[in-house]
N, C-alpha and C. Protein backbone atom coordinates (compact mmCIF):
# COMPACT_ATOMS: atom_id res chain seq x y z
N MET A 1 67.16 94.71 140.45
CA MET A 1 65.98 94.64 139.60
C MET A 1 65.65 93.18 139.33
N THR A 2 64.38 92.84 139.46
CA THR A 2 63.96 91.47 139.17
C THR A 2 63.65 91.32 137.69
N ILE A 3 63.56 90.09 137.26
CA ILE A 3 63.24 89.84 135.85
C ILE A 3 61.85 90.37 135.51
N ASP A 4 60.92 90.30 136.47
CA ASP A 4 59.57 90.83 136.23
C ASP A 4 59.57 92.35 136.09
N GLN A 5 60.51 92.99 136.73
CA GLN A 5 60.62 94.45 136.59
C GLN A 5 61.32 94.83 135.29
N ALA A 6 62.11 93.92 134.75
CA ALA A 6 62.91 94.22 133.56
C ALA A 6 62.20 93.93 132.25
N LEU A 7 61.20 93.05 132.28
CA LEU A 7 60.60 92.58 131.04
C LEU A 7 59.08 92.70 131.04
N TRP A 8 58.52 92.64 129.84
CA TRP A 8 57.07 92.58 129.66
C TRP A 8 56.79 91.75 128.42
N GLN A 9 55.56 91.26 128.33
CA GLN A 9 55.14 90.50 127.16
C GLN A 9 53.65 90.67 126.97
N ASP A 10 53.26 90.88 125.73
CA ASP A 10 51.85 90.98 125.38
C ASP A 10 51.67 90.24 124.06
N ALA A 11 50.81 89.27 124.05
CA ALA A 11 50.61 88.46 122.85
C ALA A 11 50.20 89.28 121.64
N ASP A 12 49.61 90.45 121.87
CA ASP A 12 49.12 91.29 120.78
C ASP A 12 50.11 92.38 120.36
N ARG A 13 51.28 92.42 120.98
CA ARG A 13 52.26 93.47 120.64
C ARG A 13 53.62 92.86 120.36
N VAL A 14 54.31 93.39 119.40
CA VAL A 14 55.65 92.95 118.99
C VAL A 14 55.64 91.44 118.73
N GLY A 15 54.56 90.98 118.15
CA GLY A 15 54.46 89.56 117.81
C GLY A 15 54.52 88.64 119.01
N GLY A 16 54.19 89.16 120.19
CA GLY A 16 54.21 88.35 121.40
C GLY A 16 55.59 88.15 121.99
N ALA A 17 56.59 88.83 121.45
CA ALA A 17 57.96 88.68 121.93
C ALA A 17 58.11 89.25 123.34
N VAL A 18 58.99 88.65 124.11
CA VAL A 18 59.34 89.19 125.42
C VAL A 18 60.24 90.39 125.17
N CYS A 19 59.87 91.54 125.74
CA CYS A 19 60.60 92.78 125.50
C CYS A 19 61.08 93.39 126.82
N PHE A 20 62.03 94.28 126.69
CA PHE A 20 62.47 95.05 127.85
C PHE A 20 61.36 96.02 128.24
N ARG A 21 61.14 96.16 129.53
CA ARG A 21 60.06 96.98 130.08
C ARG A 21 60.11 98.40 129.50
N ASP A 22 58.94 98.91 129.17
CA ASP A 22 58.75 100.26 128.64
C ASP A 22 59.43 100.47 127.29
N THR A 23 59.70 99.38 126.57
CA THR A 23 60.25 99.48 125.22
C THR A 23 59.55 98.46 124.34
N ARG A 24 59.87 98.49 123.06
CA ARG A 24 59.43 97.46 122.12
C ARG A 24 60.65 96.69 121.62
N ILE A 25 61.66 96.60 122.46
CA ILE A 25 62.92 95.95 122.11
C ILE A 25 62.89 94.52 122.64
N PRO A 26 62.82 93.54 121.73
CA PRO A 26 62.79 92.14 122.17
C PRO A 26 64.10 91.74 122.86
N VAL A 27 63.97 90.90 123.87
CA VAL A 27 65.15 90.38 124.57
C VAL A 27 66.06 89.62 123.60
N SER A 28 65.47 89.00 122.61
CA SER A 28 66.28 88.26 121.63
C SER A 28 67.31 89.16 120.96
N THR A 29 67.01 90.46 120.86
CA THR A 29 67.96 91.41 120.28
C THR A 29 69.24 91.46 121.11
N LEU A 30 69.10 91.43 122.42
CA LEU A 30 70.28 91.41 123.29
C LEU A 30 71.15 90.19 122.98
N PHE A 31 70.52 89.04 122.84
CA PHE A 31 71.29 87.82 122.58
C PHE A 31 71.95 87.86 121.20
N ASP A 32 71.31 88.52 120.24
CA ASP A 32 71.95 88.71 118.93
C ASP A 32 73.24 89.52 119.08
N TYR A 33 73.17 90.58 119.85
CA TYR A 33 74.36 91.41 120.07
C TYR A 33 75.43 90.66 120.87
N LEU A 34 75.00 89.88 121.85
CA LEU A 34 75.96 89.09 122.62
C LEU A 34 76.65 88.07 121.73
N GLU A 35 75.89 87.45 120.85
CA GLU A 35 76.46 86.48 119.92
C GLU A 35 77.51 87.14 119.03
N ALA A 36 77.25 88.39 118.66
CA ALA A 36 78.19 89.15 117.83
C ALA A 36 79.30 89.78 118.66
N ARG A 37 79.27 89.55 119.97
CA ARG A 37 80.25 90.12 120.92
C ARG A 37 80.31 91.64 120.82
N ASP A 38 79.10 92.25 120.81
CA ASP A 38 79.01 93.69 120.64
C ASP A 38 78.03 94.30 121.65
N ILE A 39 78.26 94.06 122.92
CA ILE A 39 77.36 94.59 123.94
C ILE A 39 77.38 96.12 123.94
N ALA A 40 78.53 96.72 123.62
CA ALA A 40 78.60 98.18 123.54
C ALA A 40 77.65 98.69 122.45
N GLY A 41 77.61 97.97 121.33
CA GLY A 41 76.71 98.35 120.25
C GLY A 41 75.25 98.26 120.66
N PHE A 42 74.94 97.26 121.48
CA PHE A 42 73.56 97.12 121.97
C PHE A 42 73.16 98.35 122.78
N PHE A 43 74.01 98.73 123.74
CA PHE A 43 73.68 99.89 124.57
C PHE A 43 73.68 101.18 123.75
N GLU A 44 74.52 101.25 122.74
CA GLU A 44 74.55 102.44 121.88
C GLU A 44 73.27 102.55 121.06
N ASN A 45 72.81 101.43 120.52
CA ASN A 45 71.63 101.42 119.66
C ASN A 45 70.32 101.40 120.43
N TYR A 46 70.36 100.95 121.68
CA TYR A 46 69.14 100.85 122.49
C TYR A 46 69.36 101.49 123.86
N PRO A 47 69.50 102.81 123.89
CA PRO A 47 69.79 103.51 125.16
C PRO A 47 68.65 103.43 126.18
N ASP A 48 67.45 103.06 125.75
CA ASP A 48 66.34 102.94 126.69
C ASP A 48 66.41 101.68 127.54
N VAL A 49 67.31 100.77 127.19
CA VAL A 49 67.50 99.55 127.98
C VAL A 49 68.64 99.81 128.96
N SER A 50 68.34 99.68 130.24
CA SER A 50 69.36 99.96 131.26
C SER A 50 70.25 98.74 131.48
N SER A 51 71.40 99.01 132.03
CA SER A 51 72.31 97.91 132.35
C SER A 51 71.69 97.01 133.42
N GLU A 52 70.85 97.57 134.29
CA GLU A 52 70.17 96.76 135.30
C GLU A 52 69.20 95.77 134.66
N MET A 53 68.53 96.20 133.60
CA MET A 53 67.63 95.29 132.88
C MET A 53 68.43 94.14 132.27
N VAL A 54 69.53 94.49 131.62
CA VAL A 54 70.38 93.48 130.99
C VAL A 54 70.92 92.52 132.05
N GLU A 55 71.37 93.05 133.17
CA GLU A 55 71.88 92.19 134.25
C GLU A 55 70.80 91.24 134.74
N ALA A 56 69.56 91.70 134.87
CA ALA A 56 68.47 90.83 135.32
C ALA A 56 68.24 89.70 134.33
N VAL A 57 68.26 90.02 133.04
CA VAL A 57 68.07 89.00 132.00
C VAL A 57 69.21 87.99 132.03
N LEU A 58 70.44 88.48 132.09
CA LEU A 58 71.59 87.57 132.07
C LEU A 58 71.66 86.71 133.33
N GLU A 59 71.34 87.29 134.46
CA GLU A 59 71.35 86.51 135.71
C GLU A 59 70.29 85.41 135.67
N THR A 60 69.11 85.75 135.16
CA THR A 60 68.05 84.76 135.03
C THR A 60 68.44 83.66 134.04
N ALA A 61 69.02 84.06 132.92
CA ALA A 61 69.47 83.07 131.93
C ALA A 61 70.53 82.15 132.54
N LYS A 62 71.47 82.72 133.27
CA LYS A 62 72.52 81.93 133.90
C LYS A 62 71.92 80.92 134.87
N ASN A 63 71.00 81.36 135.71
CA ASN A 63 70.39 80.48 136.69
C ASN A 63 69.58 79.36 136.03
N ARG A 64 68.88 79.70 134.97
CA ARG A 64 68.08 78.68 134.27
C ARG A 64 68.98 77.68 133.57
N LEU A 65 70.08 78.16 133.00
CA LEU A 65 71.02 77.24 132.35
C LEU A 65 71.67 76.30 133.37
N LYS A 66 71.98 76.83 134.54
CA LYS A 66 72.53 75.98 135.61
C LYS A 66 71.53 74.89 135.97
N SER A 67 70.28 75.27 136.12
CA SER A 67 69.24 74.32 136.48
C SER A 67 69.07 73.26 135.40
N VAL A 68 69.03 73.70 134.14
CA VAL A 68 68.89 72.76 133.03
C VAL A 68 70.08 71.82 132.98
N SER A 69 71.28 72.35 133.14
CA SER A 69 72.47 71.50 133.06
C SER A 69 72.50 70.52 134.23
N GLN A 70 72.08 70.94 135.42
CA GLN A 70 72.03 70.02 136.55
C GLN A 70 71.02 68.91 136.30
N ASN A 71 69.87 69.27 135.74
CA ASN A 71 68.86 68.26 135.41
C ASN A 71 69.36 67.31 134.34
N LEU A 72 70.07 67.84 133.36
CA LEU A 72 70.62 67.00 132.30
C LEU A 72 71.64 66.02 132.86
N VAL A 73 72.53 66.51 133.71
CA VAL A 73 73.54 65.65 134.32
C VAL A 73 72.87 64.55 135.14
N GLU A 74 71.87 64.90 135.91
CA GLU A 74 71.16 63.91 136.72
C GLU A 74 70.46 62.89 135.84
N SER A 75 69.85 63.34 134.78
CA SER A 75 69.18 62.44 133.85
C SER A 75 70.18 61.48 133.20
N LEU A 76 71.31 62.01 132.78
CA LEU A 76 72.34 61.16 132.17
C LEU A 76 72.89 60.16 133.18
N ARG A 77 73.09 60.60 134.41
CA ARG A 77 73.58 59.70 135.45
C ARG A 77 72.61 58.54 135.66
N LYS A 78 71.32 58.84 135.73
CA LYS A 78 70.31 57.80 135.91
C LYS A 78 70.27 56.86 134.71
N SER A 79 70.41 57.40 133.53
CA SER A 79 70.42 56.58 132.32
C SER A 79 71.63 55.64 132.31
N ILE A 80 72.78 56.15 132.68
CA ILE A 80 73.99 55.33 132.73
C ILE A 80 73.84 54.22 133.77
N GLU A 81 73.29 54.56 134.92
CA GLU A 81 73.07 53.55 135.96
C GLU A 81 72.11 52.48 135.48
N ALA A 82 71.04 52.88 134.79
CA ALA A 82 70.07 51.91 134.27
C ALA A 82 70.73 51.01 133.23
N ASP A 83 71.56 51.58 132.37
CA ASP A 83 72.28 50.78 131.38
C ASP A 83 73.22 49.78 132.05
N ARG A 84 73.90 50.22 133.07
CA ARG A 84 74.81 49.32 133.81
C ARG A 84 74.02 48.19 134.45
N ASP A 85 72.88 48.52 135.03
CA ASP A 85 72.05 47.49 135.65
C ASP A 85 71.59 46.47 134.61
N ARG A 86 71.17 46.93 133.44
CA ARG A 86 70.74 46.01 132.38
C ARG A 86 71.89 45.12 131.93
N LEU A 87 73.07 45.68 131.77
CA LEU A 87 74.24 44.90 131.37
C LEU A 87 74.61 43.89 132.46
N ASP A 88 74.54 44.29 133.71
CA ASP A 88 74.83 43.37 134.81
C ASP A 88 73.86 42.20 134.83
N ARG A 89 72.58 42.47 134.57
CA ARG A 89 71.59 41.40 134.55
C ARG A 89 71.82 40.45 133.38
N LYS A 90 72.25 40.99 132.24
CA LYS A 90 72.53 40.15 131.07
C LYS A 90 73.72 39.23 131.33
N GLU A 91 74.70 39.74 132.04
CA GLU A 91 75.91 38.96 132.32
C GLU A 91 75.64 37.83 133.29
N LYS A 92 74.61 37.93 134.09
CA LYS A 92 74.31 36.91 135.11
C LYS A 92 73.55 35.78 134.54
């Protein structure tokens, strides 16, 4: 299942929150349950959300976090190199 198949969003419904497809259950609810380490409780309280939907959300979140962290590392590396270059020029 793709993320587009798992989710929907309408600015005029559920306050514009991203929700699981064919439900009014915001994705943020899943993350609340994950934070509480209660994924079983999530599935118990929201049986209309399939494990495939949850897997699509988590896989997308994982991939986006990897991308963000790679960009952050690259940005920090460039910043460190620039700082080193400035220090080298000052020493000369």
